[in-house]
Amino acid sequence: MAEYYVAIDGSDIANGSSSTPWKTISRAMQVQLSPAMRSW
């Protein structure tokens, strides 16, 4: 299962992993999530 992360100290050019999260929800919304994916 793929998991994506957003954090206030993240970067929207990151890959969304727990070690390199995105900064904004807007960036996370650009990913088409399937039922087997989660965003935190």
C-alpha atoms as a PDB file:
ATOM      1  CA  MET A   1       0.000   0.000   0.000  1.00  0.00           C
ATOM      2  CA  ALA A   2       1.371   3.406  -0.950  1.00  0.00           C
ATOM      3  CA  GLU A   3       1.269   6.120   1.707  1.00  0.00           C
ATOM      4  CA  TYR A   4       1.865   9.823   1.166  1.00  0.00           C
ATOM      5  CA  TYR A   5       2.666  12.459   3.789  1.00  0.00           C
ATOM      6  CA  VAL A   6       2.165  16.206   4.154  1.00  0.00           C
ATOM      7  CA  ALA A   7       4.017  18.296   6.765  1.00  0.00           C
ATOM      8  CA  ILE A   8       4.475  22.001   7.465  1.00  0.00           C
ATOM      9  CA  ASP A   9       8.222  21.608   6.974  1.00  0.00           C
ATOM     10  CA  GLY A  10       7.812  19.537   3.780  1.00  0.00           C
ATOM     11  CA  SER A  11       8.425  20.500   0.160  1.00  0.00           C
ATOM     12  CA  ASP A  12       6.065  20.249  -2.786  1.00  0.00           C
ATOM     13  CA  ILE A  13       8.954  19.035  -4.959  1.00  0.00           C
ATOM     14  CA  ALA A  14       9.553  16.101  -2.591  1.00  0.00           C
ATOM     15  CA  ASN A  15       8.142  12.620  -3.252  1.00  0.00           C
ATOM     16  CA  GLY A  16       5.575  12.627  -0.422  1.00  0.00           C
ATOM     17  CA  SER A  17       7.236   9.908   1.657  1.00  0.00           C
ATOM     18  CA  SER A  18       7.434  10.047   5.461  1.00  0.00           C
ATOM     19  CA  SER A  19      11.078  11.160   5.250  1.00  0.00           C
ATOM     20  CA  THR A  20      10.432  13.754   2.491  1.00  0.00           C
ATOM     21  CA  PRO A  21       6.792  14.853   2.829  1.00  0.00           C
ATOM     22  CA  TRP A  22       4.941  17.390   0.713  1.00  0.00           C
ATOM     23  CA  LYS A  23       4.246  20.843   2.119  1.00  0.00           C
ATOM     24  CA  THR A  24       0.676  21.431   0.924  1.00  0.00           C
ATOM     25  CA  ILE A  25      -2.584  19.539   0.651  1.00  0.00           C
ATOM     26  CA  SER A  26      -2.858  21.008  -2.857  1.00  0.00           C
ATOM     27  CA  ARG A  27       0.194  18.967  -3.896  1.00  0.00           C
ATOM     28  CA  ALA A  28      -1.246  15.810  -2.349  1.00  0.00           C
ATOM     29  CA  MET A  29      -4.508  16.347  -4.250  1.00  0.00           C
ATOM     30  CA  GLN A  30      -2.580  16.196  -7.545  1.00  0.00           C
ATOM     31  CA  VAL A  31      -1.953  12.480  -6.967  1.00  0.00           C
ATOM     32  CA  GLN A  32      -4.741  10.195  -8.101  1.00  0.00           C
ATOM     33  CA  LEU A  33      -5.205   7.924  -5.117  1.00  0.00           C
ATOM     34  CA  SER A  34      -6.518   4.412  -5.609  1.00  0.00           C
ATOM     35  CA  PRO A  35      -8.272   2.472  -2.800  1.00  0.00           C
ATOM     36  CA  ALA A  36      -4.909   0.956  -1.801  1.00  0.00           C
ATOM     37  CA  MET A  37      -3.291   4.370  -1.162  1.00  0.00           C
ATOM     38  CA  ARG A  38      -3.445   6.756   1.793  1.00  0.00           C
ATOM     39  CA  SER A  39      -2.375  10.304   2.472  1.00  0.00           C
ATOM     40  CA  TRP A  40      -1.505  11.520   5.979  1.00  0.00           C
END
